[in-house]
Each structure stands twice: as structure tokens, then as C-alpha cells.
Amino acid sequence: LLGFSVCMRDNGFDMPDPDFANLTTTGR
């Protein structure tokens, strides 16, 4: 997933790294 985020940024979309800690509180 981190690699996917890097790929998205490298291809012009400002995507943050996934927030695995946030998943438990927000589901995202």
C-alpha cells in the first residue's frame, strides 16, 4: 500500500501514505 501511494504521487496525484492507525478509528 505504501508503494501504491508512492506510485500515485509519482504519477501526479497527491496521495498521502496510508494511515494504518486511523483505520481502527475511522475505518479508512
mmCIF file of all heavy atoms, coordinates in Angstrom:
data_MODEL
# 
_entry.id   MODEL 
# 
loop_
_atom_site.group_PDB 
_atom_site.id 
_atom_site.type_symbol 
_atom_site.label_atom_id 
_atom_site.label_alt_id 
_atom_site.label_comp_id 
_atom_site.label_asym_id 
_atom_site.label_entity_id 
_atom_site.label_seq_id 
_atom_site.pdbx_PDB_ins_code 
_atom_site.Cartn_x 
_atom_site.Cartn_y 
_atom_site.Cartn_z 
_atom_site.occupancy 
_atom_site.B_iso_or_equiv 
_atom_site.pdbx_formal_charge 
_atom_site.auth_seq_id 
_atom_site.auth_comp_id 
_atom_site.auth_asym_id 
_atom_site.auth_atom_id 
_atom_site.pdbx_PDB_model_num 
ATOM 1   N N   . LEU A 1 1  ? 0.824   -1.208 0.000   1.00 0.00 ? 1  LEU A N   1 
ATOM 2   C CA  . LEU A 1 1  ? 0.000   0.000  0.000   1.00 0.00 ? 1  LEU A CA  1 
ATOM 3   C C   . LEU A 1 1  ? 0.860   1.262  0.000   1.00 0.00 ? 1  LEU A C   1 
ATOM 4   O O   . LEU A 1 1  ? 0.526   2.242  -0.664  1.00 0.00 ? 1  LEU A O   1 
ATOM 5   C CB  . LEU A 1 1  ? -0.942  0.019  1.205   1.00 0.00 ? 1  LEU A CB  1 
ATOM 6   C CG  . LEU A 1 1  ? -2.284  -0.648 1.019   1.00 0.00 ? 1  LEU A CG  1 
ATOM 7   C CD1 . LEU A 1 1  ? -3.113  -0.553 2.304   1.00 0.00 ? 1  LEU A CD1 1 
ATOM 8   C CD2 . LEU A 1 1  ? -3.056  -0.082 -0.137  1.00 0.00 ? 1  LEU A CD2 1 
ATOM 9   N N   . LEU A 1 2  ? 1.954   1.229  0.736   1.00 0.00 ? 2  LEU A N   1 
ATOM 10  C CA  . LEU A 1 2  ? 2.876   2.369  0.716   1.00 0.00 ? 2  LEU A CA  1 
ATOM 11  C C   . LEU A 1 2  ? 3.431   2.566  -0.697  1.00 0.00 ? 2  LEU A C   1 
ATOM 12  O O   . LEU A 1 2  ? 3.522   3.696  -1.192  1.00 0.00 ? 2  LEU A O   1 
ATOM 13  C CB  . LEU A 1 2  ? 4.022   2.169  1.711   1.00 0.00 ? 2  LEU A CB  1 
ATOM 14  C CG  . LEU A 1 2  ? 3.655   2.314  3.180   1.00 0.00 ? 2  LEU A CG  1 
ATOM 15  C CD1 . LEU A 1 2  ? 4.784   1.802  4.062   1.00 0.00 ? 2  LEU A CD1 1 
ATOM 16  C CD2 . LEU A 1 2  ? 3.327   3.759  3.511   1.00 0.00 ? 2  LEU A CD2 1 
ATOM 17  N N   . GLY A 1 3  ? 3.776   1.474  -1.369  1.00 0.00 ? 3  GLY A N   1 
ATOM 18  C CA  . GLY A 1 3  ? 4.268   1.553  -2.743  1.00 0.00 ? 3  GLY A CA  1 
ATOM 19  C C   . GLY A 1 3  ? 3.220   2.123  -3.686  1.00 0.00 ? 3  GLY A C   1 
ATOM 20  O O   . GLY A 1 3  ? 3.543   2.906  -4.590  1.00 0.00 ? 3  GLY A O   1 
ATOM 21  N N   . PHE A 1 4  ? 1.957   1.741  -3.485  1.00 0.00 ? 4  PHE A N   1 
ATOM 22  C CA  . PHE A 1 4  ? 0.866   2.280  -4.294  1.00 0.00 ? 4  PHE A CA  1 
ATOM 23  C C   . PHE A 1 4  ? 0.765   3.796  -4.106  1.00 0.00 ? 4  PHE A C   1 
ATOM 24  O O   . PHE A 1 4  ? 0.626   4.544  -5.077  1.00 0.00 ? 4  PHE A O   1 
ATOM 25  C CB  . PHE A 1 4  ? -0.453  1.599  -3.923  1.00 0.00 ? 4  PHE A CB  1 
ATOM 26  C CG  . PHE A 1 4  ? -1.654  2.204  -4.581  1.00 0.00 ? 4  PHE A CG  1 
ATOM 27  C CD1 . PHE A 1 4  ? -1.887  2.007  -5.933  1.00 0.00 ? 4  PHE A CD1 1 
ATOM 28  C CD2 . PHE A 1 4  ? -2.551  2.971  -3.853  1.00 0.00 ? 4  PHE A CD2 1 
ATOM 29  C CE1 . PHE A 1 4  ? -2.998  2.577  -6.563  1.00 0.00 ? 4  PHE A CE1 1 
ATOM 30  C CE2 . PHE A 1 4  ? -3.663  3.530  -4.457  1.00 0.00 ? 4  PHE A CE2 1 
ATOM 31  C CZ  . PHE A 1 4  ? -3.890  3.339  -5.817  1.00 0.00 ? 4  PHE A CZ  1 
ATOM 32  N N   . SER A 1 5  ? 0.866   4.257  -2.869  1.00 0.00 ? 5  SER A N   1 
ATOM 33  C CA  . SER A 1 5  ? 0.794   5.695  -2.591  1.00 0.00 ? 5  SER A CA  1 
ATOM 34  C C   . SER A 1 5  ? 1.939   6.448  -3.264  1.00 0.00 ? 5  SER A C   1 
ATOM 35  O O   . SER A 1 5  ? 1.741   7.517  -3.842  1.00 0.00 ? 5  SER A O   1 
ATOM 36  C CB  . SER A 1 5  ? 0.816   5.958  -1.082  1.00 0.00 ? 5  SER A CB  1 
ATOM 37  O OG  . SER A 1 5  ? -0.301  5.371  -0.473  1.00 0.00 ? 5  SER A OG  1 
ATOM 38  N N   . VAL A 1 6  ? 3.128   5.888  -3.201  1.00 0.00 ? 6  VAL A N   1 
ATOM 39  C CA  . VAL A 1 6  ? 4.289   6.498  -3.851  1.00 0.00 ? 6  VAL A CA  1 
ATOM 40  C C   . VAL A 1 6  ? 4.067   6.559  -5.365  1.00 0.00 ? 6  VAL A C   1 
ATOM 41  O O   . VAL A 1 6  ? 4.329   7.582  -6.010  1.00 0.00 ? 6  VAL A O   1 
ATOM 42  C CB  . VAL A 1 6  ? 5.589   5.731  -3.510  1.00 0.00 ? 6  VAL A CB  1 
ATOM 43  C CG1 . VAL A 1 6  ? 6.743   6.186  -4.382  1.00 0.00 ? 6  VAL A CG1 1 
ATOM 44  C CG2 . VAL A 1 6  ? 5.926   5.896  -2.035  1.00 0.00 ? 6  VAL A CG2 1 
ATOM 45  N N   . CYS A 1 7  ? 3.558   5.474  -5.932  1.00 0.00 ? 7  CYS A N   1 
ATOM 46  C CA  . CYS A 1 7  ? 3.277   5.436  -7.367  1.00 0.00 ? 7  CYS A CA  1 
ATOM 47  C C   . CYS A 1 7  ? 2.281   6.526  -7.748  1.00 0.00 ? 7  CYS A C   1 
ATOM 48  O O   . CYS A 1 7  ? 2.458   7.230  -8.747  1.00 0.00 ? 7  CYS A O   1 
ATOM 49  C CB  . CYS A 1 7  ? 2.745   4.060  -7.756  1.00 0.00 ? 7  CYS A CB  1 
ATOM 50  S SG  . CYS A 1 7  ? 2.393   3.880  -9.519  1.00 0.00 ? 7  CYS A SG  1 
ATOM 51  N N   . MET A 1 8  ? 1.225   6.676  -6.949  1.00 0.00 ? 8  MET A N   1 
ATOM 52  C CA  . MET A 1 8  ? 0.216   7.702  -7.247  1.00 0.00 ? 8  MET A CA  1 
ATOM 53  C C   . MET A 1 8  ? 0.850   9.090  -7.226  1.00 0.00 ? 8  MET A C   1 
ATOM 54  O O   . MET A 1 8  ? 0.598   9.903  -8.125  1.00 0.00 ? 8  MET A O   1 
ATOM 55  C CB  . MET A 1 8  ? -0.939  7.609  -6.249  1.00 0.00 ? 8  MET A CB  1 
ATOM 56  C CG  . MET A 1 8  ? -1.798  6.363  -6.385  1.00 0.00 ? 8  MET A CG  1 
ATOM 57  S SD  . MET A 1 8  ? -2.787  6.309  -7.902  1.00 0.00 ? 8  MET A SD  1 
ATOM 58  C CE  . MET A 1 8  ? -4.095  7.462  -7.481  1.00 0.00 ? 8  MET A CE  1 
ATOM 59  N N   . ARG A 1 9  ? 1.693   9.358  -6.237  1.00 0.00 ? 9  ARG A N   1 
ATOM 60  C CA  . ARG A 1 9  ? 2.366   10.665 -6.177  1.00 0.00 ? 9  ARG A CA  1 
ATOM 61  C C   . ARG A 1 9  ? 3.308   10.843 -7.365  1.00 0.00 ? 9  ARG A C   1 
ATOM 62  O O   . ARG A 1 9  ? 3.359   11.914 -7.971  1.00 0.00 ? 9  ARG A O   1 
ATOM 63  C CB  . ARG A 1 9  ? 3.126   10.808 -4.859  1.00 0.00 ? 9  ARG A CB  1 
ATOM 64  C CG  . ARG A 1 9  ? 2.211   11.007 -3.667  1.00 0.00 ? 9  ARG A CG  1 
ATOM 65  C CD  . ARG A 1 9  ? 2.975   11.437 -2.425  1.00 0.00 ? 9  ARG A CD  1 
ATOM 66  N NE  . ARG A 1 9  ? 3.921   10.443 -1.958  1.00 0.00 ? 9  ARG A NE  1 
ATOM 67  C CZ  . ARG A 1 9  ? 3.644   9.485  -1.070  1.00 0.00 ? 9  ARG A CZ  1 
ATOM 68  N NH1 . ARG A 1 9  ? 2.420   9.360  -0.574  1.00 0.00 ? 9  ARG A NH1 1 
ATOM 69  N NH2 . ARG A 1 9  ? 4.581   8.654  -0.679  1.00 0.00 ? 9  ARG A NH2 1 
ATOM 70  N N   . ASP A 1 10 ? 4.044   9.792  -7.694  1.00 0.00 ? 10 ASP A N   1 
ATOM 71  C CA  . ASP A 1 10 ? 4.986   9.859  -8.815  1.00 0.00 ? 10 ASP A CA  1 
ATOM 72  C C   . ASP A 1 10 ? 4.270   10.101 -10.140 1.00 0.00 ? 10 ASP A C   1 
ATOM 73  O O   . ASP A 1 10 ? 4.873   10.564 -11.103 1.00 0.00 ? 10 ASP A O   1 
ATOM 74  C CB  . ASP A 1 10 ? 5.812   8.578  -8.919  1.00 0.00 ? 10 ASP A CB  1 
ATOM 75  C CG  . ASP A 1 10 ? 6.856   8.440  -7.827  1.00 0.00 ? 10 ASP A CG  1 
ATOM 76  O OD1 . ASP A 1 10 ? 7.108   9.430  -7.101  1.00 0.00 ? 10 ASP A OD1 1 
ATOM 77  O OD2 . ASP A 1 10 ? 7.408   7.335  -7.694  1.00 0.00 ? 10 ASP A OD2 1 
ATOM 78  N N   . ASN A 1 11 ? 2.972   9.764  -10.177 1.00 0.00 ? 11 ASN A N   1 
ATOM 79  C CA  . ASN A 1 11 ? 2.193   9.932  -11.401 1.00 0.00 ? 11 ASN A CA  1 
ATOM 80  C C   . ASN A 1 11 ? 1.224   11.112 -11.322 1.00 0.00 ? 11 ASN A C   1 
ATOM 81  O O   . ASN A 1 11 ? 0.243   11.168 -12.061 1.00 0.00 ? 11 ASN A O   1 
ATOM 82  C CB  . ASN A 1 11 ? 1.456   8.631  -11.727 1.00 0.00 ? 11 ASN A CB  1 
ATOM 83  C CG  . ASN A 1 11 ? 2.398   7.620  -12.333 1.00 0.00 ? 11 ASN A CG  1 
ATOM 84  O OD1 . ASN A 1 11 ? 2.685   7.669  -13.523 1.00 0.00 ? 11 ASN A OD1 1 
ATOM 85  N ND2 . ASN A 1 11 ? 2.920   6.718  -11.517 1.00 0.00 ? 11 ASN A ND2 1 
ATOM 86  N N   . GLY A 1 12 ? 1.499   12.050 -10.424 1.00 0.00 ? 12 GLY A N   1 
ATOM 87  C CA  . GLY A 1 12 ? 0.806   13.334 -10.435 1.00 0.00 ? 12 GLY A CA  1 
ATOM 88  C C   . GLY A 1 12 ? -0.385  13.499 -9.519  1.00 0.00 ? 12 GLY A C   1 
ATOM 89  O O   . GLY A 1 12 ? -1.070  14.519 -9.581  1.00 0.00 ? 12 GLY A O   1 
ATOM 90  N N   . PHE A 1 13 ? -0.657  12.524 -8.636  1.00 0.00 ? 13 PHE A N   1 
ATOM 91  C CA  . PHE A 1 13 ? -1.773  12.691 -7.711  1.00 0.00 ? 13 PHE A CA  1 
ATOM 92  C C   . PHE A 1 13 ? -1.235  12.729 -6.287  1.00 0.00 ? 13 PHE A C   1 
ATOM 93  O O   . PHE A 1 13 ? -0.549  11.812 -5.853  1.00 0.00 ? 13 PHE A O   1 
ATOM 94  C CB  . PHE A 1 13 ? -2.803  11.561 -7.844  1.00 0.00 ? 13 PHE A CB  1 
ATOM 95  C CG  . PHE A 1 13 ? -4.024  11.787 -7.003  1.00 0.00 ? 13 PHE A CG  1 
ATOM 96  C CD1 . PHE A 1 13 ? -4.979  12.699 -7.399  1.00 0.00 ? 13 PHE A CD1 1 
ATOM 97  C CD2 . PHE A 1 13 ? -4.202  11.113 -5.817  1.00 0.00 ? 13 PHE A CD2 1 
ATOM 98  C CE1 . PHE A 1 13 ? -6.104  12.939 -6.621  1.00 0.00 ? 13 PHE A CE1 1 
ATOM 99  C CE2 . PHE A 1 13 ? -5.317  11.333 -5.027  1.00 0.00 ? 13 PHE A CE2 1 
ATOM 100 C CZ  . PHE A 1 13 ? -6.266  12.243 -5.433  1.00 0.00 ? 13 PHE A CZ  1 
ATOM 101 N N   . ASP A 1 14 ? -1.551  13.787 -5.555  1.00 0.00 ? 14 ASP A N   1 
ATOM 102 C CA  . ASP A 1 14 ? -1.033  13.990 -4.204  1.00 0.00 ? 14 ASP A CA  1 
ATOM 103 C C   . ASP A 1 14 ? -1.784  13.105 -3.214  1.00 0.00 ? 14 ASP A C   1 
ATOM 104 O O   . ASP A 1 14 ? -2.759  13.521 -2.610  1.00 0.00 ? 14 ASP A O   1 
ATOM 105 C CB  . ASP A 1 14 ? -1.160  15.456 -3.814  1.00 0.00 ? 14 ASP A CB  1 
ATOM 106 C CG  . ASP A 1 14 ? -0.494  15.761 -2.485  1.00 0.00 ? 14 ASP A CG  1 
ATOM 107 O OD1 . ASP A 1 14 ? 0.381   14.978 -2.058  1.00 0.00 ? 14 ASP A OD1 1 
ATOM 108 O OD2 . ASP A 1 14 ? -0.854  16.780 -1.873  1.00 0.00 ? 14 ASP A OD2 1 
ATOM 109 N N   . MET A 1 15 ? -1.330  11.873 -3.077  1.00 0.00 ? 15 MET A N   1 
ATOM 110 C CA  . MET A 1 15 ? -1.952  10.902 -2.178  1.00 0.00 ? 15 MET A CA  1 
ATOM 111 C C   . MET A 1 15 ? -1.035  10.696 -0.983  1.00 0.00 ? 15 MET A C   1 
ATOM 112 O O   . MET A 1 15 ? 0.146   10.393 -1.147  1.00 0.00 ? 15 MET A O   1 
ATOM 113 C CB  . MET A 1 15 ? -2.168  9.570  -2.897  1.00 0.00 ? 15 MET A CB  1 
ATOM 114 C CG  . MET A 1 15 ? -2.683  8.461  -1.990  1.00 0.00 ? 15 MET A CG  1 
ATOM 115 S SD  . MET A 1 15 ? -2.934  6.914  -2.883  1.00 0.00 ? 15 MET A SD  1 
ATOM 116 C CE  . MET A 1 15 ? -4.629  7.138  -3.379  1.00 0.00 ? 15 MET A CE  1 
ATOM 117 N N   . PRO A 1 16 ? -1.564  10.854 0.243   1.00 0.00 ? 16 PRO A N   1 
ATOM 118 C CA  . PRO A 1 16 ? -0.722  10.603 1.417   1.00 0.00 ? 16 PRO A CA  1 
ATOM 119 C C   . PRO A 1 16 ? -0.467  9.106  1.579   1.00 0.00 ? 16 PRO A C   1 
ATOM 120 O O   . PRO A 1 16 ? -1.156  8.275  0.986   1.00 0.00 ? 16 PRO A O   1 
ATOM 121 C CB  . PRO A 1 16 ? -1.573  11.133 2.572   1.00 0.00 ? 16 PRO A CB  1 
ATOM 122 C CG  . PRO A 1 16 ? -2.979  10.958 2.101   1.00 0.00 ? 16 PRO A CG  1 
ATOM 123 C CD  . PRO A 1 16 ? -2.937  11.201 0.607   1.00 0.00 ? 16 PRO A CD  1 
ATOM 124 N N   . ASP A 1 17 ? 0.509   8.787  2.400   1.00 0.00 ? 17 ASP A N   1 
ATOM 125 C CA  . ASP A 1 17 ? 0.707   7.383  2.771   1.00 0.00 ? 17 ASP A CA  1 
ATOM 126 C C   . ASP A 1 17 ? -0.516  6.917  3.544   1.00 0.00 ? 17 ASP A C   1 
ATOM 127 O O   . ASP A 1 17 ? -1.181  7.720  4.216   1.00 0.00 ? 17 ASP A O   1 
ATOM 128 C CB  . ASP A 1 17 ? 1.955   7.230  3.647   1.00 0.00 ? 17 ASP A CB  1 
ATOM 129 C CG  . ASP A 1 17 ? 3.241   7.388  2.854   1.00 0.00 ? 17 ASP A CG  1 
ATOM 130 O OD1 . ASP A 1 17 ? 3.204   7.226  1.616   1.00 0.00 ? 17 ASP A OD1 1 
ATOM 131 O OD2 . ASP A 1 17 ? 4.280   7.669  3.470   1.00 0.00 ? 17 ASP A OD2 1 
ATOM 132 N N   . PRO A 1 18 ? -0.846  5.634  3.463   1.00 0.00 ? 18 PRO A N   1 
ATOM 133 C CA  . PRO A 1 18 ? -1.999  5.136  4.212   1.00 0.00 ? 18 PRO A CA  1 
ATOM 134 C C   . PRO A 1 18 ? -1.768  5.296  5.711   1.00 0.00 ? 18 PRO A C   1 
ATOM 135 O O   . PRO A 1 18 ? -0.642  5.200  6.190   1.00 0.00 ? 18 PRO A O   1 
ATOM 136 C CB  . PRO A 1 18 ? -2.081  3.662  3.818   1.00 0.00 ? 18 PRO A CB  1 
ATOM 137 C CG  . PRO A 1 18 ? -0.734  3.310  3.315   1.00 0.00 ? 18 PRO A CG  1 
ATOM 138 C CD  . PRO A 1 18 ? -0.149  4.564  2.752   1.00 0.00 ? 18 PRO A CD  1 
ATOM 139 N N   . ASP A 1 19 ? -2.840  5.564  6.430   1.00 0.00 ? 19 ASP A N   1 
ATOM 140 C CA  . ASP A 1 19 ? -2.778  5.742  7.878   1.00 0.00 ? 19 ASP A CA  1 
ATOM 141 C C   . ASP A 1 19 ? -3.376  4.502  8.538   1.00 0.00 ? 19 ASP A C   1 
ATOM 142 O O   . ASP A 1 19 ? -4.583  4.425  8.759   1.00 0.00 ? 19 ASP A O   1 
ATOM 143 C CB  . ASP A 1 19 ? -3.549  7.004  8.273   1.00 0.00 ? 19 ASP A CB  1 
ATOM 144 C CG  . ASP A 1 19 ? -3.430  7.325  9.747   1.00 0.00 ? 19 ASP A CG  1 
ATOM 145 O OD1 . ASP A 1 19 ? -2.941  6.475  10.516  1.00 0.00 ? 19 ASP A OD1 1 
ATOM 146 O OD2 . ASP A 1 19 ? -3.841  8.432  10.139  1.00 0.00 ? 19 ASP A OD2 1 
ATOM 147 N N   . PHE A 1 20 ? -2.524  3.529  8.818   1.00 0.00 ? 20 PHE A N   1 
ATOM 148 C CA  . PHE A 1 20 ? -2.988  2.263  9.363   1.00 0.00 ? 20 PHE A CA  1 
ATOM 149 C C   . PHE A 1 20 ? -3.575  2.424  10.764  1.00 0.00 ? 20 PHE A C   1 
ATOM 150 O O   . PHE A 1 20 ? -4.517  1.725  11.118  1.00 0.00 ? 20 PHE A O   1 
ATOM 151 C CB  . PHE A 1 20 ? -1.860  1.223  9.367   1.00 0.00 ? 20 PHE A CB  1 
ATOM 152 C CG  . PHE A 1 20 ? -1.388  0.898  7.981   1.00 0.00 ? 20 PHE A CG  1 
ATOM 153 C CD1 . PHE A 1 20 ? -0.222  1.461  7.477   1.00 0.00 ? 20 PHE A CD1 1 
ATOM 154 C CD2 . PHE A 1 20 ? -2.129  0.071  7.157   1.00 0.00 ? 20 PHE A CD2 1 
ATOM 155 C CE1 . PHE A 1 20 ? 0.199   1.182  6.181   1.00 0.00 ? 20 PHE A CE1 1 
ATOM 156 C CE2 . PHE A 1 20 ? -1.719  -0.213 5.863   1.00 0.00 ? 20 PHE A CE2 1 
ATOM 157 C CZ  . PHE A 1 20 ? -0.546  0.350  5.379   1.00 0.00 ? 20 PHE A CZ  1 
ATOM 158 N N   . ALA A 1 21 ? -3.072  3.364  11.547  1.00 0.00 ? 21 ALA A N   1 
ATOM 159 C CA  . ALA A 1 21 ? -3.615  3.609  12.888  1.00 0.00 ? 21 ALA A CA  1 
ATOM 160 C C   . ALA A 1 21 ? -5.022  4.200  12.786  1.00 0.00 ? 21 ALA A C   1 
ATOM 161 O O   . ALA A 1 21 ? -5.898  3.895  13.595  1.00 0.00 ? 21 ALA A O   1 
ATOM 162 C CB  . ALA A 1 21 ? -2.698  4.539  13.673  1.00 0.00 ? 21 ALA A CB  1 
ATOM 163 N N   . ASN A 1 22 ? -5.248  5.039  11.786  1.00 0.00 ? 22 ASN A N   1 
ATOM 164 C CA  . ASN A 1 22 ? -6.539  5.679  11.596  1.00 0.00 ? 22 ASN A CA  1 
ATOM 165 C C   . ASN A 1 22 ? -7.615  4.672  11.198  1.00 0.00 ? 22 ASN A C   1 
ATOM 166 O O   . ASN A 1 22 ? -8.801  4.885  11.449  1.00 0.00 ? 22 ASN A O   1 
ATOM 167 C CB  . ASN A 1 22 ? -6.412  6.768  10.530  1.00 0.00 ? 22 ASN A CB  1 
ATOM 168 C CG  . ASN A 1 22 ? -7.556  7.740  10.534  1.00 0.00 ? 22 ASN A CG  1 
ATOM 169 O OD1 . ASN A 1 22 ? -8.068  8.104  11.581  1.00 0.00 ? 22 ASN A OD1 1 
ATOM 170 N ND2 . ASN A 1 22 ? -7.955  8.169  9.360   1.00 0.00 ? 22 ASN A ND2 1 
ATOM 171 N N   . LEU A 1 23 ? -7.217  3.570  10.604  1.00 0.00 ? 23 LEU A N   1 
ATOM 172 C CA  . LEU A 1 23 ? -8.164  2.563  10.146  1.00 0.00 ? 23 LEU A CA  1 
ATOM 173 C C   . LEU A 1 23 ? -9.034  2.054  11.293  1.00 0.00 ? 23 LEU A C   1 
ATOM 174 O O   . LEU A 1 23 ? -10.237 1.859  11.130  1.00 0.00 ? 23 LEU A O   1 
ATOM 175 C CB  . LEU A 1 23 ? -7.431  1.402  9.484   1.00 0.00 ? 23 LEU A CB  1 
ATOM 176 C CG  . LEU A 1 23 ? -8.307  0.281  8.948   1.00 0.00 ? 23 LEU A CG  1 
ATOM 177 C CD1 . LEU A 1 23 ? -9.181  0.797  7.806   1.00 0.00 ? 23 LEU A CD1 1 
ATOM 178 C CD2 . LEU A 1 23 ? -7.448  -0.868 8.464   1.00 0.00 ? 23 LEU A CD2 1 
ATOM 179 N N   . THR A 1 24 ? -8.461  1.896  12.456  1.00 0.00 ? 24 THR A N   1 
ATOM 180 C CA  . THR A 1 24 ? -9.223  1.347  13.577  1.00 0.00 ? 24 THR A CA  1 
ATOM 181 C C   . THR A 1 24 ? -10.235 2.347  14.124  1.00 0.00 ? 24 THR A C   1 
ATOM 182 O O   . THR A 1 24 ? -11.249 1.946  14.679  1.00 0.00 ? 24 THR A O   1 
ATOM 183 C CB  . THR A 1 24 ? -8.293  0.886  14.719  1.00 0.00 ? 24 THR A CB  1 
ATOM 184 O OG1 . THR A 1 24 ? -7.493  1.980  15.142  1.00 0.00 ? 24 THR A OG1 1 
ATOM 185 C CG2 . THR A 1 24 ? -7.414  -0.263 14.277  1.00 0.00 ? 24 THR A CG2 1 
ATOM 186 N N   . THR A 1 25 ? -10.004 3.640  13.961  1.00 0.00 ? 25 THR A N   1 
ATOM 187 C CA  . THR A 1 25 ? -10.936 4.630  14.495  1.00 0.00 ? 25 THR A CA  1 
ATOM 188 C C   . THR A 1 25 ? -11.929 5.138  13.452  1.00 0.00 ? 25 THR A C   1 
ATOM 189 O O   . THR A 1 25 ? -13.061 5.447  13.782  1.00 0.00 ? 25 THR A O   1 
ATOM 190 C CB  . THR A 1 25 ? -10.181 5.832  15.099  1.00 0.00 ? 25 THR A CB  1 
ATOM 191 O OG1 . THR A 1 25 ? -9.339  6.409  14.113  1.00 0.00 ? 25 THR A OG1 1 
ATOM 192 C CG2 . THR A 1 25 ? -9.365  5.412  16.301  1.00 0.00 ? 25 THR A CG2 1 
ATOM 193 N N   . THR A 1 26 ? -11.514 5.222  12.184  1.00 0.00 ? 26 THR A N   1 
ATOM 194 C CA  . THR A 1 26 ? -12.399 5.783  11.154  1.00 0.00 ? 26 THR A CA  1 
ATOM 195 C C   . THR A 1 26 ? -12.826 4.760  10.105  1.00 0.00 ? 26 THR A C   1 
ATOM 196 O O   . THR A 1 26 ? -13.739 5.021  9.340   1.00 0.00 ? 26 THR A O   1 
ATOM 197 C CB  . THR A 1 26 ? -11.724 6.948  10.411  1.00 0.00 ? 26 THR A CB  1 
ATOM 198 O OG1 . THR A 1 26 ? -10.631 6.441  9.649   1.00 0.00 ? 26 THR A OG1 1 
ATOM 199 C CG2 . THR A 1 26 ? -11.258 8.030  11.361  1.00 0.00 ? 26 THR A CG2 1 
ATOM 200 N N   . GLY A 1 27 ? -12.123 3.642  10.042  1.00 0.00 ? 27 GLY A N   1 
ATOM 201 C CA  . GLY A 1 27 ? -12.409 2.660  9.008   1.00 0.00 ? 27 GLY A CA  1 
ATOM 202 C C   . GLY A 1 27 ? -11.816 3.032  7.663   1.00 0.00 ? 27 GLY A C   1 
ATOM 203 O O   . GLY A 1 27 ? -12.119 2.426  6.650   1.00 0.00 ? 27 GLY A O   1 
ATOM 204 N N   . ARG A 1 28 ? -10.936 4.033  7.633   1.00 0.00 ? 28 ARG A N   1 
ATOM 205 C CA  . ARG A 1 28 ? -10.334 4.486  6.381   1.00 0.00 ? 28 ARG A CA  1 
ATOM 206 C C   . ARG A 1 28 ? -8.812  4.468  6.469   1.00 0.00 ? 28 ARG A C   1 
ATOM 207 O O   . ARG A 1 28 ? -8.240  4.871  7.464   1.00 0.00 ? 28 ARG A O   1 
ATOM 208 C CB  . ARG A 1 28 ? -10.756 5.918  6.052   1.00 0.00 ? 28 ARG A CB  1 
ATOM 209 C CG  . ARG A 1 28 ? -12.214 6.068  5.793   1.00 0.00 ? 28 ARG A CG  1 
ATOM 210 C CD  . ARG A 1 28 ? -12.504 7.511  5.363   1.00 0.00 ? 28 ARG A CD  1 
ATOM 211 N NE  . ARG A 1 28 ? -13.841 7.633  4.877   1.00 0.00 ? 28 ARG A NE  1 
ATOM 212 C CZ  . ARG A 1 28 ? -14.234 7.299  3.655   1.00 0.00 ? 28 ARG A CZ  1 
ATOM 213 N NH1 . ARG A 1 28 ? -13.361 6.823  2.805   1.00 0.00 ? 28 ARG A NH1 1 
ATOM 214 N NH2 . ARG A 1 28 ? -15.480 7.435  3.288   1.00 0.00 ? 28 ARG A NH2 1 
# 
